[in-house]
Amino acid sequence: MTDSSCLPCWHLLKAACTYGQDVRLCEAFLEYDQTGSPTVLDTVMSMASPTVLKQARAHVVALGLAHES
């Protein structure tokens, strides 16, 4: 993970890969892990279903890296 990466973002993408069970989400997570590119976040947000995003967000909140909104 790069120094400039966003830790909550990293966990969000990892959870999206886990919960989404979609190879494209996992490829995006690996790309973010290597590059820290914010463009990857946009890609995942457009690809992942609302259910997957909700589960991923809940995971990040449970880790204490974000607040419920």
N, C-alpha and C. Protein backbone atom coordinates (compact mmCIF):
# COMPACT_ATOMS: atom_id res chain seq x y z
N MET A 1 0.86 -1.18 0.00
CA MET A 1 0.00 0.00 0.00
C MET A 1 0.90 1.23 0.00
N THR A 2 0.56 2.20 -0.81
CA THR A 2 1.39 3.39 -0.90
C THR A 2 1.14 4.31 0.29
N ASP A 3 2.12 5.15 0.59
CA ASP A 3 2.01 6.07 1.73
C ASP A 3 0.87 7.07 1.55
N SER A 4 0.57 7.43 0.31
CA SER A 4 -0.45 8.44 0.05
C SER A 4 -1.87 7.87 0.03
N SER A 5 -2.00 6.56 0.21
CA SER A 5 -3.32 5.95 0.13
C SER A 5 -4.17 6.28 1.35
N CYS A 6 -5.43 6.16 1.17
CA CYS A 6 -6.42 6.44 2.22
C CYS A 6 -6.77 5.12 2.90
N LEU A 7 -6.44 4.98 4.17
CA LEU A 7 -6.68 3.72 4.87
C LEU A 7 -8.15 3.30 4.85
N PRO A 8 -9.11 4.20 5.13
CA PRO A 8 -10.51 3.79 5.03
C PRO A 8 -10.87 3.35 3.60
N CYS A 9 -10.30 4.02 2.61
CA CYS A 9 -10.56 3.65 1.21
C CYS A 9 -10.03 2.25 0.93
N TRP A 10 -8.83 1.97 1.42
CA TRP A 10 -8.21 0.66 1.23
C TRP A 10 -9.11 -0.43 1.80
N HIS A 11 -9.60 -0.22 3.02
CA HIS A 11 -10.48 -1.20 3.65
C HIS A 11 -11.81 -1.31 2.93
N LEU A 12 -12.32 -0.19 2.44
CA LEU A 12 -13.58 -0.20 1.70
C LEU A 12 -13.44 -1.05 0.44
N LEU A 13 -12.36 -0.86 -0.29
CA LEU A 13 -12.15 -1.63 -1.51
C LEU A 13 -11.91 -3.10 -1.21
N LYS A 14 -11.17 -3.38 -0.16
CA LYS A 14 -10.93 -4.77 0.22
C LYS A 14 -12.25 -5.45 0.57
N ALA A 15 -13.11 -4.77 1.32
CA ALA A 15 -14.41 -5.33 1.69
C ALA A 15 -15.29 -5.50 0.46
N ALA A 16 -15.25 -4.55 -0.47
CA ALA A 16 -16.04 -4.67 -1.70
C ALA A 16 -15.61 -5.90 -2.49
N CYS A 17 -14.31 -6.15 -2.52
CA CYS A 17 -13.80 -7.36 -3.18
C CYS A 17 -14.33 -8.60 -2.48
N THR A 18 -14.27 -8.61 -1.16
CA THR A 18 -14.71 -9.76 -0.38
C THR A 18 -16.21 -10.00 -0.51
N TYR A 19 -17.00 -8.96 -0.28
CA TYR A 19 -18.45 -9.12 -0.29
C TYR A 19 -19.03 -9.22 -1.70
N GLY A 20 -18.38 -8.55 -2.66
CA GLY A 20 -18.90 -8.52 -4.02
C GLY A 20 -18.64 -9.79 -4.80
N GLN A 21 -17.62 -10.53 -4.39
CA GLN A 21 -17.25 -11.76 -5.08
C GLN A 21 -17.22 -11.55 -6.59
N ASP A 22 -16.62 -10.44 -7.01
CA ASP A 22 -16.52 -10.07 -8.42
C ASP A 22 -15.05 -9.83 -8.71
N VAL A 23 -14.52 -10.56 -9.66
CA VAL A 23 -13.09 -10.45 -9.95
C VAL A 23 -12.70 -9.01 -10.31
N ARG A 24 -13.59 -8.26 -10.94
CA ARG A 24 -13.27 -6.87 -11.30
C ARG A 24 -13.08 -6.01 -10.06
N LEU A 25 -13.88 -6.25 -9.03
CA LEU A 25 -13.72 -5.50 -7.78
C LEU A 25 -12.39 -5.85 -7.12
N CYS A 26 -12.03 -7.12 -7.18
CA CYS A 26 -10.76 -7.54 -6.59
C CYS A 26 -9.57 -7.00 -7.37
N GLU A 27 -9.69 -6.96 -8.70
CA GLU A 27 -8.62 -6.38 -9.51
C GLU A 27 -8.46 -4.89 -9.19
N ALA A 28 -9.59 -4.21 -8.99
CA ALA A 28 -9.53 -2.79 -8.63
C ALA A 28 -8.87 -2.61 -7.27
N PHE A 29 -9.20 -3.47 -6.31
CA PHE A 29 -8.57 -3.41 -4.99
C PHE A 29 -7.06 -3.58 -5.12
N LEU A 30 -6.62 -4.56 -5.90
CA LEU A 30 -5.19 -4.80 -6.06
C LEU A 30 -4.50 -3.61 -6.73
N GLU A 31 -5.19 -3.01 -7.71
CA GLU A 31 -4.62 -1.82 -8.36
C GLU A 31 -4.48 -0.68 -7.36
N TYR A 32 -5.51 -0.47 -6.54
CA TYR A 32 -5.44 0.59 -5.53
C TYR A 32 -4.33 0.30 -4.53
N ASP A 33 -4.21 -0.96 -4.14
CA ASP A 33 -3.19 -1.36 -3.18
C ASP A 33 -1.79 -1.03 -3.72
N GLN A 34 -1.61 -1.18 -5.03
CA GLN A 34 -0.31 -0.93 -5.64
C GLN A 34 -0.08 0.54 -5.96
N THR A 35 -1.13 1.26 -6.36
CA THR A 35 -0.93 2.61 -6.88
C THR A 35 -1.50 3.72 -5.99
N GLY A 36 -2.53 3.40 -5.21
CA GLY A 36 -3.20 4.43 -4.41
C GLY A 36 -4.00 5.40 -5.26
N SER A 37 -4.28 5.03 -6.49
CA SER A 37 -4.97 5.92 -7.43
C SER A 37 -6.42 6.17 -7.03
N PRO A 38 -6.82 7.44 -6.84
CA PRO A 38 -8.21 7.74 -6.48
C PRO A 38 -9.19 7.40 -7.60
N THR A 39 -8.71 7.29 -8.83
CA THR A 39 -9.57 6.92 -9.95
C THR A 39 -10.16 5.53 -9.73
N VAL A 40 -9.42 4.67 -9.08
CA VAL A 40 -9.89 3.31 -8.81
C VAL A 40 -11.14 3.35 -7.93
N LEU A 41 -11.18 4.27 -6.98
CA LEU A 41 -12.36 4.40 -6.12
C LEU A 41 -13.60 4.69 -6.95
N ASP A 42 -13.48 5.60 -7.90
CA ASP A 42 -14.61 5.93 -8.77
C ASP A 42 -15.06 4.71 -9.56
N THR A 43 -14.10 3.94 -10.05
CA THR A 43 -14.42 2.74 -10.82
C THR A 43 -15.20 1.75 -9.98
N VAL A 44 -14.74 1.51 -8.76
CA VAL A 44 -15.42 0.56 -7.88
C VAL A 44 -16.81 1.05 -7.51
N MET A 45 -16.94 2.33 -7.22
CA MET A 45 -18.25 2.88 -6.86
C MET A 45 -19.25 2.71 -8.00
N SER A 46 -18.79 2.76 -9.23
CA SER A 46 -19.70 2.60 -10.36
C SER A 46 -19.98 1.13 -10.67
N MET A 47 -19.07 0.23 -10.30
CA MET A 47 -19.24 -1.19 -10.60
C MET A 47 -20.00 -1.95 -9.52
N ALA A 48 -19.76 -1.61 -8.28
CA ALA A 48 -20.31 -2.39 -7.17
C ALA A 48 -21.80 -2.09 -6.99
N SER A 49 -22.52 -3.12 -6.60
CA SER A 49 -23.95 -2.96 -6.34
C SER A 49 -24.15 -2.17 -5.05
N PRO A 50 -25.31 -1.54 -4.89
CA PRO A 50 -25.59 -0.82 -3.64
C PRO A 50 -25.45 -1.71 -2.40
N THR A 51 -25.83 -2.97 -2.51
CA THR A 51 -25.73 -3.89 -1.38
C THR A 51 -24.27 -4.11 -0.99
N VAL A 52 -23.42 -4.31 -1.98
CA VAL A 52 -21.99 -4.51 -1.71
C VAL A 52 -21.38 -3.26 -1.09
N LEU A 53 -21.74 -2.10 -1.63
CA LEU A 53 -21.21 -0.85 -1.07
C LEU A 53 -21.68 -0.65 0.37
N LYS A 54 -22.92 -1.02 0.65
CA LYS A 54 -23.45 -0.89 2.02
C LYS A 54 -22.68 -1.81 2.97
N GLN A 55 -22.43 -3.05 2.54
CA GLN A 55 -21.68 -3.99 3.37
C GLN A 55 -20.25 -3.51 3.58
N ALA A 56 -19.64 -3.01 2.52
CA ALA A 56 -18.26 -2.53 2.62
C ALA A 56 -18.18 -1.33 3.55
N ARG A 57 -19.13 -0.42 3.43
CA ARG A 57 -19.15 0.77 4.30
C ARG A 57 -19.34 0.35 5.76
N ALA A 58 -20.25 -0.60 6.01
CA ALA A 58 -20.48 -1.09 7.37
C ALA A 58 -19.20 -1.69 7.95
N HIS A 59 -18.43 -2.36 7.12
CA HIS A 59 -17.16 -2.94 7.55
C HIS A 59 -16.18 -1.86 7.99
N VAL A 60 -16.08 -0.80 7.19
CA VAL A 60 -15.18 0.31 7.51
C VAL A 60 -15.63 1.02 8.78
N VAL A 61 -16.93 1.19 8.95
CA VAL A 61 -17.47 1.81 10.17
C VAL A 61 -17.15 0.92 11.38
N ALA A 62 -17.32 -0.40 11.22
CA ALA A 62 -17.05 -1.33 12.32
C ALA A 62 -15.58 -1.28 12.74
N LEU A 63 -14.70 -0.99 11.80
CA LEU A 63 -13.27 -0.87 12.11
C LEU A 63 -12.95 0.47 12.77
N GLY A 64 -13.93 1.36 12.81
CA GLY A 64 -13.72 2.67 13.41
C GLY A 64 -13.01 3.65 12.49
N LEU A 65 -12.99 3.36 11.19
CA LEU A 65 -12.29 4.21 10.23
C LEU A 65 -13.21 5.22 9.57
N ALA A 66 -14.50 5.12 9.85
CA ALA A 66 -15.49 6.07 9.31
C ALA A 66 -16.66 6.11 10.28
N HIS A 67 -17.47 7.13 10.14
CA HIS A 67 -18.66 7.28 10.98
C HIS A 67 -19.90 6.96 10.17
N GLU A 68 -20.92 6.43 10.84
CA GLU A 68 -22.18 6.19 10.15
C GLU A 68 -22.79 7.53 9.77
N SER A 69 -23.40 7.56 8.60
CA SER A 69 -24.03 8.82 8.17
C SER A 69 -25.53 8.67 8.08
